[in-house]
Amino acid sequence: MTLRTLAPVVAALLLLSAPAARADADEELPVIHSSAAALAHASAHPDTPPPGANDWSCEPSAQHPRPVVLVHGSMENMTFNWFSLSPQLVNEGYCVFALNYGQMEGLHLGVPGASRTSGIGPIQNSAAELGGFVDEVLAATGASEVDIVGHSQGGTMPRYYTKFLGGAGKVANLIGLSPGNHGSTALGLAKLPGVPELLGLGLGPAFAQQVHDSPFIADLNAGGETVPGVRDTVIQTQWDEIATPYTTSFLNGPEVTNILMQTQCPLVGSDHLSIAFDSIAAHHVLNALDPEHATPAPCYPTPPFNGG
């Protein structure tokens, strides 16, 4: 491990005892773009919101009238997945909320940050959990709609909520970071007989539902991939090794913006995991949340696995 890789980890360790929310509204939260730092933080603060999130007294501003709901990916959790993006959004003036969903009894593989692995249960059930959480956010903030930012399954599952569970009138923007909108081939493995079933047995039902040609994916995309009134943005990296081929993420339909980060910046090296911790991806998220004040995304090297 290089000194450059160690630096964000050390910084996160120094921040482990820091409170998650700002004591002063004018004080900005630290933002560290690093999955390694996120792991350190999540290991020390399991089952807690990411920095700055879930302030139920937050009042949306005129500049940012819609709360942002962050939806983690499979086997991940809010504490780990949104360690970087949550404080950045709070510093930008957004009311930010996050949840853990799709938990099941028993032992399952997952990243640190939650006492039970999240994002592995049936996606239909997870979408219902998201719907209940959105209702809580709307009731607490007085807003009429939210914006959703999701990673991996967190970018796909909300589409079920908006299409089948009445979420279309409650969501203005759905922004997906490397979502598997058309199912993943898992680098070709998912096409082998029995593999989807094994994934479901070993890792949870959500994994079998997210493979290419699964009944869930077919149902999700039947009759149109988008929902009227919801603006979809997909932010993807060509180095995605989980949602494969990477083009599986992109949506077809009106009010869709598909962004391949390497088209804008060939130096981006983020992969499926690190896109949630990639500062250039975060810039695209901010542009999608507030397109009227969008600015050109920067271009510099960002590494895989860790982000930066």
C-alpha atoms as a PDB file:
ATOM      1  CA  MET A   1       0.000   0.000   0.000  1.00  0.00           C
ATOM      2  CA  THR A   2       1.455   3.356  -1.039  1.00  0.00           C
ATOM      3  CA  LEU A   3       1.662   6.478   1.075  1.00  0.00           C
ATOM      4  CA  ARG A   4      -0.928   8.075  -1.219  1.00  0.00           C
ATOM      5  CA  THR A   5      -3.349   5.224  -0.483  1.00  0.00           C
ATOM      6  CA  LEU A   6      -2.629   5.340   3.238  1.00  0.00           C
ATOM      7  CA  ALA A   7      -3.231   9.080   3.539  1.00  0.00           C
ATOM      8  CA  PRO A   8      -7.045   9.007   3.379  1.00  0.00           C
ATOM      9  CA  VAL A   9      -7.132   6.014   5.719  1.00  0.00           C
ATOM     10  CA  VAL A  10      -5.073   7.874   8.299  1.00  0.00           C
ATOM     11  CA  ALA A  11      -7.272  10.922   7.864  1.00  0.00           C
ATOM     12  CA  ALA A  12     -10.388   8.828   8.431  1.00  0.00           C
ATOM     13  CA  LEU A  13      -8.932   7.270  11.556  1.00  0.00           C
ATOM     14  CA  LEU A  14      -8.281  10.729  12.938  1.00  0.00           C
ATOM     15  CA  LEU A  15     -11.929  11.585  12.295  1.00  0.00           C
ATOM     16  CA  LEU A  16     -13.427   8.452  13.826  1.00  0.00           C
ATOM     17  CA  SER A  17     -14.348  10.183  17.058  1.00  0.00           C
ATOM     18  CA  ALA A  18     -15.803  13.229  15.281  1.00  0.00           C
ATOM     19  CA  PRO A  19     -19.588  13.741  15.420  1.00  0.00           C
ATOM     20  CA  ALA A  20     -21.512  12.856  12.279  1.00  0.00           C
ATOM     21  CA  ALA A  21     -23.332  16.179  12.040  1.00  0.00           C
ATOM     22  CA  ARG A  22     -22.093  19.734  12.082  1.00  0.00           C
ATOM     23  CA  ALA A  23     -22.183  21.501  15.404  1.00  0.00           C
ATOM     24  CA  ASP A  24     -22.279  24.804  13.526  1.00  0.00           C
ATOM     25  CA  ALA A  25     -24.275  25.323  10.332  1.00  0.00           C
ATOM     26  CA  ASP A  26     -21.387  27.346   8.890  1.00  0.00           C
ATOM     27  CA  GLU A  27     -18.837  24.602   9.559  1.00  0.00           C
ATOM     28  CA  GLU A  28     -18.232  22.261   6.633  1.00  0.00           C
ATOM     29  CA  LEU A  29     -17.962  18.532   7.124  1.00  0.00           C
ATOM     30  CA  PRO A  30     -14.734  16.824   6.035  1.00  0.00           C
ATOM     31  CA  VAL A  31     -15.053  15.102   2.650  1.00  0.00           C
ATOM     32  CA  ILE A  32     -12.669  12.222   1.923  1.00  0.00           C
ATOM     33  CA  HIS A  33     -12.992  10.437  -1.421  1.00  0.00           C
ATOM     34  CA  SER A  34     -11.701   6.998  -0.472  1.00  0.00           C
ATOM     35  CA  SER A  35     -13.286   3.565  -0.053  1.00  0.00           C
ATOM     36  CA  ALA A  36     -10.450   2.585   2.286  1.00  0.00           C
ATOM     37  CA  ALA A  37     -11.261   5.525   4.535  1.00  0.00           C
ATOM     38  CA  ALA A  38     -14.943   4.592   4.297  1.00  0.00           C
ATOM     39  CA  LEU A  39     -14.157   1.063   5.489  1.00  0.00           C
ATOM     40  CA  ALA A  40     -12.258   2.437   8.473  1.00  0.00           C
ATOM     41  CA  HIS A  41     -15.112   4.763   9.354  1.00  0.00           C
ATOM     42  CA  ALA A  42     -17.829   2.133   8.864  1.00  0.00           C
ATOM     43  CA  SER A  43     -15.959  -0.403  10.974  1.00  0.00           C
ATOM     44  CA  ALA A  44     -15.854   2.064  13.859  1.00  0.00           C
ATOM     45  CA  HIS A  45     -19.415   3.392  13.427  1.00  0.00           C
ATOM     46  CA  PRO A  46     -21.674   0.493  12.402  1.00  0.00           C
ATOM     47  CA  ASP A  47     -25.400   1.112  11.984  1.00  0.00           C
ATOM     48  CA  THR A  48     -25.027   4.889  11.945  1.00  0.00           C
ATOM     49  CA  PRO A  49     -25.951   7.353   9.187  1.00  0.00           C
ATOM     50  CA  PRO A  50     -23.131   8.604   6.972  1.00  0.00           C
ATOM     51  CA  PRO A  51     -21.681  11.980   7.996  1.00  0.00           C
ATOM     52  CA  GLY A  52     -24.304  14.709   7.870  1.00  0.00           C
ATOM     53  CA  ALA A  53     -27.237  12.500   6.917  1.00  0.00           C
ATOM     54  CA  ASN A  54     -30.581  11.942   8.684  1.00  0.00           C
ATOM     55  CA  ASP A  55     -30.897  15.314  10.357  1.00  0.00           C
ATOM     56  CA  TRP A  56     -34.672  15.114  10.715  1.00  0.00           C
ATOM     57  CA  SER A  57     -34.863  18.794  11.635  1.00  0.00           C
ATOM     58  CA  CYS A  58     -33.308  19.836   8.297  1.00  0.00           C
ATOM     59  CA  GLU A  59     -35.428  22.309   6.336  1.00  0.00           C
ATOM     60  CA  PRO A  60     -34.911  22.303   2.553  1.00  0.00           C
ATOM     61  CA  SER A  61     -33.776  25.657   1.175  1.00  0.00           C
ATOM     62  CA  ALA A  62     -35.197  27.583  -1.750  1.00  0.00           C
ATOM     63  CA  GLN A  63     -32.031  26.744  -3.674  1.00  0.00           C
ATOM     64  CA  HIS A  64     -32.366  23.007  -2.926  1.00  0.00           C
ATOM     65  CA  PRO A  65     -36.048  22.386  -2.178  1.00  0.00           C
ATOM     66  CA  ARG A  66     -35.922  18.600  -2.524  1.00  0.00           C
ATOM     67  CA  PRO A  67     -34.273  16.319   0.062  1.00  0.00           C
ATOM     68  CA  VAL A  68     -31.765  13.816  -1.322  1.00  0.00           C
ATOM     69  CA  VAL A  69     -32.246  10.151  -0.415  1.00  0.00           C
ATOM     70  CA  LEU A  70     -29.134   7.981  -0.735  1.00  0.00           C
ATOM     71  CA  VAL A  71     -29.689   4.294  -1.566  1.00  0.00           C
ATOM     72  CA  HIS A  72     -26.745   1.922  -1.124  1.00  0.00           C
ATOM     73  CA  GLY A  73     -25.799  -1.076  -3.246  1.00  0.00           C
ATOM     74  CA  SER A  74     -25.916  -4.835  -2.745  1.00  0.00           C
ATOM     75  CA  MET A  75     -24.017  -6.124   0.309  1.00  0.00           C
ATOM     76  CA  GLU A  76     -23.255  -2.503   1.208  1.00  0.00           C
ATOM     77  CA  ASN A  77     -24.839  -0.153   3.738  1.00  0.00           C
ATOM     78  CA  MET A  78     -25.429   3.560   4.193  1.00  0.00           C
ATOM     79  CA  THR A  79     -22.509   4.051   6.589  1.00  0.00           C
ATOM     80  CA  PHE A  80     -19.947   2.718   4.144  1.00  0.00           C
ATOM     81  CA  ASN A  81     -21.468   3.539   0.763  1.00  0.00           C
ATOM     82  CA  TRP A  82     -22.124   7.240   1.388  1.00  0.00           C
ATOM     83  CA  PHE A  83     -19.129   8.165   3.524  1.00  0.00           C
ATOM     84  CA  SER A  84     -17.874  10.535   0.799  1.00  0.00           C
ATOM     85  CA  LEU A  85     -20.969  11.801  -0.984  1.00  0.00           C
ATOM     86  CA  SER A  86     -23.204  12.475   2.030  1.00  0.00           C
ATOM     87  CA  PRO A  87     -21.031  15.166   3.646  1.00  0.00           C
ATOM     88  CA  GLN A  88     -20.322  16.711   0.238  1.00  0.00           C
ATOM     89  CA  LEU A  89     -24.045  17.107  -0.424  1.00  0.00           C
ATOM     90  CA  VAL A  90     -24.649  18.495   3.061  1.00  0.00           C
ATOM     91  CA  ASN A  91     -21.877  21.033   2.514  1.00  0.00           C
ATOM     92  CA  GLU A  92     -23.647  22.062  -0.701  1.00  0.00           C
ATOM     93  CA  GLY A  93     -26.787  22.847   1.286  1.00  0.00           C
ATOM     94  CA  TYR A  94     -28.900  19.737   0.696  1.00  0.00           C
ATOM     95  CA  CYS A  95     -30.973  17.919   3.299  1.00  0.00           C
ATOM     96  CA  VAL A  96     -29.589  14.388   3.042  1.00  0.00           C
ATOM     97  CA  PHE A  97     -31.145  11.128   4.181  1.00  0.00           C
ATOM     98  CA  ALA A  98     -29.993   7.518   3.941  1.00  0.00           C
ATOM     99  CA  LEU A  99     -31.296   4.097   4.911  1.00  0.00           C
ATOM    100  CA  ASN A 100     -30.310   0.465   5.173  1.00  0.00           C
ATOM    101  CA  TYR A 101     -32.657  -1.870   3.310  1.00  0.00           C
ATOM    102  CA  GLY A 102     -32.967  -5.472   2.192  1.00  0.00           C
ATOM    103  CA  GLN A 103     -31.588  -7.079   5.344  1.00  0.00           C
ATOM    104  CA  MET A 104     -32.140 -10.784   6.052  1.00  0.00           C
ATOM    105  CA  GLU A 105     -31.686 -13.043   9.034  1.00  0.00           C
ATOM    106  CA  GLY A 106     -28.566 -15.186   9.217  1.00  0.00           C
ATOM    107  CA  LEU A 107     -24.964 -14.665   8.222  1.00  0.00           C
ATOM    108  CA  HIS A 108     -24.204 -13.193   4.819  1.00  0.00           C
ATOM    109  CA  LEU A 109     -21.171 -11.634   3.196  1.00  0.00           C
ATOM    110  CA  GLY A 110     -21.108  -7.854   3.304  1.00  0.00           C
ATOM    111  CA  VAL A 111     -18.901  -4.838   3.889  1.00  0.00           C
ATOM    112  CA  PRO A 112     -18.472  -3.472   7.427  1.00  0.00           C
ATOM    113  CA  GLY A 113     -20.896  -0.833   8.647  1.00  0.00           C
ATOM    114  CA  ALA A 114     -24.055  -2.747   9.519  1.00  0.00           C
ATOM    115  CA  SER A 115     -24.830  -5.465  12.046  1.00  0.00           C
ATOM    116  CA  ARG A 116     -26.774  -7.300   9.320  1.00  0.00           C
ATOM    117  CA  THR A 117     -25.829  -7.403   5.650  1.00  0.00           C
ATOM    118  CA  SER A 118     -27.986  -5.008   3.639  1.00  0.00           C
ATOM    119  CA  GLY A 119     -29.198  -5.014   0.065  1.00  0.00           C
ATOM    120  CA  ILE A 120     -29.611  -8.777  -0.301  1.00  0.00           C
ATOM    121  CA  GLY A 121     -33.343  -9.381   0.198  1.00  0.00           C
ATOM    122  CA  PRO A 122     -35.983  -9.555  -2.558  1.00  0.00           C
ATOM    123  CA  ILE A 123     -35.852  -6.301  -4.483  1.00  0.00           C
ATOM    124  CA  GLN A 124     -39.621  -5.847  -4.453  1.00  0.00           C
ATOM    125  CA  ASN A 125     -39.546  -5.839  -0.641  1.00  0.00           C
ATOM    126  CA  SER A 126     -36.615  -3.429  -0.615  1.00  0.00           C
ATOM    127  CA  ALA A 127     -38.520  -1.064  -2.910  1.00  0.00           C
ATOM    128  CA  ALA A 128     -41.398  -1.079  -0.427  1.00  0.00           C
ATOM    129  CA  GLU A 129     -38.938  -0.249   2.366  1.00  0.00           C
ATOM    130  CA  LEU A 130     -37.642   2.649   0.292  1.00  0.00           C
ATOM    131  CA  GLY A 131     -41.200   3.871  -0.245  1.00  0.00           C
ATOM    132  CA  GLY A 132     -41.854   3.962   3.491  1.00  0.00           C
ATOM    133  CA  PHE A 133     -38.613   5.824   4.083  1.00  0.00           C
ATOM    134  CA  VAL A 134     -39.391   8.404   1.382  1.00  0.00           C
ATOM    135  CA  ASP A 135     -42.754   9.033   3.032  1.00  0.00           C
ATOM    136  CA  GLU A 136     -40.983   9.673   6.346  1.00  0.00           C
ATOM    137  CA  VAL A 137     -38.588  12.112   4.679  1.00  0.00           C
ATOM    138  CA  LEU A 138     -41.409  14.002   2.960  1.00  0.00           C
ATOM    139  CA  ALA A 139     -43.406  14.222   6.186  1.00  0.00           C
ATOM    140  CA  ALA A 140     -40.413  15.479   8.182  1.00  0.00           C
ATOM    141  CA  THR A 141     -39.225  18.063   5.659  1.00  0.00           C
ATOM    142  CA  GLY A 142     -42.543  19.218   4.212  1.00  0.00           C
ATOM    143  CA  ALA A 143     -41.204  18.658   0.698  1.00  0.00           C
ATOM    144  CA  SER A 144     -43.438  17.305  -2.052  1.00  0.00           C
ATOM    145  CA  GLU A 145     -40.712  15.315  -3.837  1.00  0.00           C
ATOM    146  CA  VAL A 146     -37.272  13.874  -3.198  1.00  0.00           C
ATOM    147  CA  ASP A 147     -34.265  13.232  -5.399  1.00  0.00           C
ATOM    148  CA  ILE A 148     -32.704   9.762  -5.182  1.00  0.00           C
ATOM    149  CA  VAL A 149     -29.033   8.931  -5.672  1.00  0.00           C
ATOM    150  CA  GLY A 150     -28.296   5.218  -5.735  1.00  0.00           C
ATOM    151  CA  HIS A 151     -25.273   2.997  -6.250  1.00  0.00           C
ATOM    152  CA  SER A 152     -25.508  -0.354  -8.078  1.00  0.00           C
ATOM    153  CA  GLN A 153     -28.749  -2.036  -6.885  1.00  0.00           C
ATOM    154  CA  GLY A 154     -29.512   1.305  -5.241  1.00  0.00           C
ATOM    155  CA  GLY A 155     -29.836   2.808  -8.710  1.00  0.00           C
ATOM    156  CA  THR A 156     -31.986  -0.024 -10.062  1.00  0.00           C
ATOM    157  CA  MET A 157     -34.300  -0.851  -7.153  1.00  0.00           C
ATOM    158  CA  PRO A 158     -35.846   2.665  -6.976  1.00  0.00           C
ATOM    159  CA  ARG A 159     -37.083   2.148 -10.532  1.00  0.00           C
ATOM    160  CA  TYR A 160     -39.358  -0.594  -9.193  1.00  0.00           C
ATOM    161  CA  TYR A 161     -40.599   1.844  -6.561  1.00  0.00           C
ATOM    162  CA  THR A 162     -41.388   4.551  -9.112  1.00  0.00           C
ATOM    163  CA  LYS A 163     -42.913   2.152 -11.663  1.00  0.00           C
ATOM    164  CA  PHE A 164     -45.000  -0.178  -9.501  1.00  0.00           C
ATOM    165  CA  LEU A 165     -45.327   1.230  -5.971  1.00  0.00           C
ATOM    166  CA  GLY A 166     -46.534   4.782  -6.518  1.00  0.00           C
ATOM    167  CA  GLY A 167     -43.172   6.492  -6.248  1.00  0.00           C
ATOM    168  CA  ALA A 168     -43.388   8.357  -9.555  1.00  0.00           C
ATOM    169  CA  GLY A 169     -45.193  11.316  -7.992  1.00  0.00           C
ATOM    170  CA  LYS A 170     -42.706  11.505  -5.131  1.00  0.00           C
ATOM    171  CA  VAL A 171     -39.379  11.359  -7.012  1.00  0.00           C
ATOM    172  CA  ALA A 172     -38.135  14.150  -9.272  1.00  0.00           C
ATOM    173  CA  ASN A 173     -34.632  12.873 -10.104  1.00  0.00           C
ATOM    174  CA  LEU A 174     -33.247   9.340 -10.015  1.00  0.00           C
ATOM    175  CA  ILE A 175     -29.469   9.302 -10.334  1.00  0.00           C
ATOM    176  CA  GLY A 176     -27.763   5.926 -10.632  1.00  0.00           C
ATOM    177  CA  LEU A 177     -24.070   5.238 -10.140  1.00  0.00           C
ATOM    178  CA  SER A 178     -23.254   2.025 -12.049  1.00  0.00           C
ATOM    179  CA  PRO A 179     -26.781   0.599 -11.813  1.00  0.00           C
ATOM    180  CA  GLY A 180     -27.532  -2.770 -13.403  1.00  0.00           C
ATOM    181  CA  ASN A 181     -30.610  -1.587 -15.265  1.00  0.00           C
ATOM    182  CA  HIS A 182     -30.571  -4.406 -17.804  1.00  0.00           C
ATOM    183  CA  GLY A 183     -29.030  -7.060 -15.586  1.00  0.00           C
ATOM    184  CA  SER A 184     -25.425  -8.148 -15.363  1.00  0.00           C
ATOM    185  CA  THR A 185     -23.734 -10.986 -17.188  1.00  0.00           C
ATOM    186  CA  ALA A 186     -21.247 -11.140 -14.264  1.00  0.00           C
ATOM    187  CA  LEU A 187     -18.435 -11.219 -16.822  1.00  0.00           C
ATOM    188  CA  GLY A 188     -20.283 -14.007 -18.639  1.00  0.00           C
ATOM    189  CA  LEU A 189     -20.752 -16.270 -15.610  1.00  0.00           C
ATOM    190  CA  ALA A 190     -24.462 -15.444 -15.281  1.00  0.00           C
ATOM    191  CA  LYS A 191     -25.119 -17.088 -18.649  1.00  0.00           C
ATOM    192  CA  LEU A 192     -23.923 -20.473 -17.360  1.00  0.00           C
ATOM    193  CA  PRO A 193     -26.707 -22.863 -16.292  1.00  0.00           C
ATOM    194  CA  GLY A 194     -27.354 -22.796 -12.558  1.00  0.00           C
ATOM    195  CA  VAL A 195     -25.177 -19.777 -11.779  1.00  0.00           C
ATOM    196  CA  PRO A 196     -28.041 -17.318 -11.064  1.00  0.00           C
ATOM    197  CA  GLU A 197     -29.585 -19.841  -8.700  1.00  0.00           C
ATOM    198  CA  LEU A 198     -26.279 -20.347  -6.907  1.00  0.00           C
ATOM    199  CA  LEU A 199     -25.872 -16.582  -6.556  1.00  0.00           C
ATOM    200  CA  GLY A 200     -29.291 -16.361  -4.970  1.00  0.00           C
ATOM    201  CA  LEU A 201     -28.609 -19.178  -2.538  1.00  0.00           C
ATOM    202  CA  GLY A 202     -25.155 -17.991  -1.526  1.00  0.00           C
ATOM    203  CA  LEU A 203     -25.574 -14.218  -1.522  1.00  0.00           C
ATOM    204  CA  GLY A 204     -29.291 -13.514  -1.276  1.00  0.00           C
ATOM    205  CA  PRO A 205     -32.313 -13.279  -3.600  1.00  0.00           C
ATOM    206  CA  ALA A 206     -31.378  -9.809  -4.871  1.00  0.00           C
ATOM    207  CA  PHE A 207     -28.350 -11.192  -6.680  1.00  0.00           C
ATOM    208  CA  ALA A 208     -30.315 -13.707  -8.737  1.00  0.00           C
ATOM    209  CA  GLN A 209     -32.782 -10.945  -9.604  1.00  0.00           C
ATOM    210  CA  GLN A 210     -30.037  -8.721 -10.992  1.00  0.00           C
ATOM    211  CA  VAL A 211     -28.555 -11.079 -13.571  1.00  0.00           C
ATOM    212  CA  HIS A 212     -29.119 -10.679 -17.292  1.00  0.00           C
ATOM    213  CA  ASP A 213     -32.474 -12.020 -18.542  1.00  0.00           C
ATOM    214  CA  SER A 214     -33.872 -12.576 -15.031  1.00  0.00           C
ATOM    215  CA  PRO A 215     -37.675 -12.383 -14.681  1.00  0.00           C
ATOM    216  CA  PHE A 216     -37.240  -9.352 -12.424  1.00  0.00           C
ATOM    217  CA  ILE A 217     -35.236  -7.403 -15.013  1.00  0.00           C
ATOM    218  CA  ALA A 218     -37.670  -8.361 -17.769  1.00  0.00           C
ATOM    219  CA  ASP A 219     -40.604  -7.158 -15.673  1.00  0.00           C
ATOM    220  CA  LEU A 220     -38.815  -3.943 -14.696  1.00  0.00           C
ATOM    221  CA  ASN A 221     -38.128  -2.943 -18.305  1.00  0.00           C
ATOM    222  CA  ALA A 222     -41.337  -4.180 -19.916  1.00  0.00           C
ATOM    223  CA  GLY A 223     -43.461  -1.437 -21.449  1.00  0.00           C
ATOM    224  CA  GLY A 224     -40.763   1.226 -21.192  1.00  0.00           C
ATOM    225  CA  GLU A 225     -37.665   1.756 -19.105  1.00  0.00           C
ATOM    226  CA  THR A 226     -38.615   5.131 -17.664  1.00  0.00           C
ATOM    227  CA  VAL A 227     -41.546   6.632 -15.794  1.00  0.00           C
ATOM    228  CA  PRO A 228     -43.139   9.945 -16.839  1.00  0.00           C
ATOM    229  CA  GLY A 229     -42.184  12.766 -14.512  1.00  0.00           C
ATOM    230  CA  VAL A 230     -38.954  11.196 -13.256  1.00  0.00           C
ATOM    231  CA  ARG A 231     -35.695  12.471 -14.732  1.00  0.00           C
ATOM    232  CA  ASP A 232     -33.148   9.656 -14.972  1.00  0.00           C
ATOM    233  CA  THR A 233     -29.389  10.124 -14.953  1.00  0.00           C
ATOM    234  CA  VAL A 234     -26.973   7.209 -15.236  1.00  0.00           C
ATOM    235  CA  ILE A 235     -23.316   7.768 -14.356  1.00  0.00           C
ATOM    236  CA  GLN A 236     -21.140   4.855 -15.422  1.00  0.00           C
ATOM    237  CA  THR A 237     -17.515   3.822 -15.833  1.00  0.00           C
ATOM    238  CA  GLN A 238     -16.174   1.654 -18.621  1.00  0.00           C
ATOM    239  CA  TRP A 239     -14.122  -0.242 -16.010  1.00  0.00           C
ATOM    240  CA  ASP A 240     -17.185  -1.647 -14.264  1.00  0.00           C
ATOM    241  CA  GLU A 241     -16.460  -5.294 -13.468  1.00  0.00           C
ATOM    242  CA  ILE A 242     -19.789  -6.074 -11.745  1.00  0.00           C
ATOM    243  CA  ALA A 243     -22.471  -4.500 -13.945  1.00  0.00           C
ATOM    244  CA  THR A 244     -21.227  -6.055 -17.181  1.00  0.00           C
ATOM    245  CA  PRO A 245     -21.112  -5.132 -19.936  1.00  0.00           C
ATOM    246  CA  TYR A 246     -20.928  -1.564 -18.659  1.00  0.00           C
ATOM    247  CA  THR A 247     -23.584  -0.540 -21.164  1.00  0.00           C
ATOM    248  CA  THR A 248     -26.127  -2.555 -19.154  1.00  0.00           C
ATOM    249  CA  SER A 249     -26.453   0.516 -16.936  1.00  0.00           C
ATOM    250  CA  PHE A 250     -27.714   2.888 -19.612  1.00  0.00           C
ATOM    251  CA  LEU A 251     -31.424   3.601 -19.957  1.00  0.00           C
ATOM    252  CA  ASN A 252     -33.529   4.332 -23.013  1.00  0.00           C
ATOM    253  CA  GLY A 253     -36.374   6.807 -22.894  1.00  0.00           C
ATOM    254  CA  PRO A 254     -37.303  10.465 -22.573  1.00  0.00           C
ATOM    255  CA  GLU A 255     -35.709  12.583 -19.846  1.00  0.00           C
ATOM    256  CA  VAL A 256     -32.700  10.257 -19.674  1.00  0.00           C
ATOM    257  CA  THR A 257     -29.081  11.379 -19.463  1.00  0.00           C
ATOM    258  CA  ASN A 258     -26.474   8.631 -19.825  1.00  0.00           C
ATOM    259  CA  ILE A 259     -22.949   9.627 -18.827  1.00  0.00           C
ATOM    260  CA  LEU A 260     -19.881   7.498 -19.508  1.00  0.00           C
ATOM    261  CA  MET A 261     -17.232   9.233 -17.454  1.00  0.00           C
ATOM    262  CA  GLN A 262     -14.323   8.242 -19.692  1.00  0.00           C
ATOM    263  CA  THR A 263     -15.946  10.059 -22.628  1.00  0.00           C
ATOM    264  CA  GLN A 264     -15.527  13.292 -20.716  1.00  0.00           C
ATOM    265  CA  CYS A 265     -12.270  12.276 -18.998  1.00  0.00           C
ATOM    266  CA  PRO A 266     -10.229   9.277 -20.197  1.00  0.00           C
ATOM    267  CA  LEU A 267      -8.142   9.475 -17.006  1.00  0.00           C
ATOM    268  CA  VAL A 268     -10.964   8.241 -14.758  1.00  0.00           C
ATOM    269  CA  GLY A 269     -10.055   4.797 -13.442  1.00  0.00           C
ATOM    270  CA  SER A 270     -12.950   4.185 -11.085  1.00  0.00           C
ATOM    271  CA  ASP A 271     -14.648   0.795 -11.165  1.00  0.00           C
ATOM    272  CA  HIS A 272     -17.958  -0.506  -9.815  1.00  0.00           C
ATOM    273  CA  LEU A 273     -17.078  -0.059  -6.137  1.00  0.00           C
ATOM    274  CA  SER A 274     -15.037   3.112  -6.237  1.00  0.00           C
ATOM    275  CA  ILE A 275     -17.450   5.130  -8.380  1.00  0.00           C
ATOM    276  CA  ALA A 276     -19.321   5.939  -5.162  1.00  0.00           C
ATOM    277  CA  PHE A 277     -16.115   7.483  -3.802  1.00  0.00           C
ATOM    278  CA  ASP A 278     -14.932   9.127  -7.019  1.00  0.00           C
ATOM    279  CA  SER A 279     -14.826  12.928  -6.858  1.00  0.00           C
ATOM    280  CA  ILE A 280     -15.482  13.304 -10.596  1.00  0.00           C
ATOM    281  CA  ALA A 281     -18.545  11.068 -10.326  1.00  0.00           C
ATOM    282  CA  ALA A 282     -19.669  13.240  -7.401  1.00  0.00           C
ATOM    283  CA  HIS A 283     -19.380  16.302  -9.639  1.00  0.00           C
ATOM    284  CA  HIS A 284     -21.702  14.647 -12.164  1.00  0.00           C
ATOM    285  CA  VAL A 285     -24.153  13.913  -9.321  1.00  0.00           C
ATOM    286  CA  LEU A 286     -24.174  17.561  -8.285  1.00  0.00           C
ATOM    287  CA  ASN A 287     -24.804  18.619 -11.890  1.00  0.00           C
ATOM    288  CA  ALA A 288     -27.715  16.181 -12.183  1.00  0.00           C
ATOM    289  CA  LEU A 289     -29.262  17.434  -8.940  1.00  0.00           C
ATOM    290  CA  ASP A 290     -29.008  21.073 -10.029  1.00  0.00           C
ATOM    291  CA  PRO A 291     -28.713  21.209 -13.829  1.00  0.00           C
ATOM    292  CA  GLU A 292     -29.408  24.931 -13.954  1.00  0.00           C
ATOM    293  CA  HIS A 293     -26.100  25.546 -12.186  1.00  0.00           C
ATOM    294  CA  ALA A 294     -24.124  22.693 -13.759  1.00  0.00           C
ATOM    295  CA  THR A 295     -20.419  23.212 -14.375  1.00  0.00           C
ATOM    296  CA  PRO A 296     -17.963  21.205 -16.493  1.00  0.00           C
ATOM    297  CA  ALA A 297     -16.616  18.194 -14.611  1.00  0.00           C
ATOM    298  CA  PRO A 298     -12.871  18.266 -13.934  1.00  0.00           C
ATOM    299  CA  CYS A 299     -10.483  15.755 -15.448  1.00  0.00           C
ATOM    300  CA  TYR A 300      -7.652  14.081 -13.542  1.00  0.00           C
ATOM    301  CA  PRO A 301      -6.621  10.502 -12.742  1.00  0.00           C
ATOM    302  CA  THR A 302      -8.763   8.665 -10.196  1.00  0.00           C
ATOM    303  CA  PRO A 303      -7.791   5.117  -9.167  1.00  0.00           C
ATOM    304  CA  PRO A 304      -9.918   1.973  -9.119  1.00  0.00           C
ATOM    305  CA  PHE A 305     -11.026   0.295  -5.883  1.00  0.00           C
ATOM    306  CA  ASN A 306     -10.305   3.327  -3.713  1.00  0.00           C
ATOM    307  CA  GLY A 307     -11.613   6.336  -5.638  1.00  0.00           C
ATOM    308  CA  GLY A 308     -10.173   9.786  -5.241  1.00  0.00           C
END
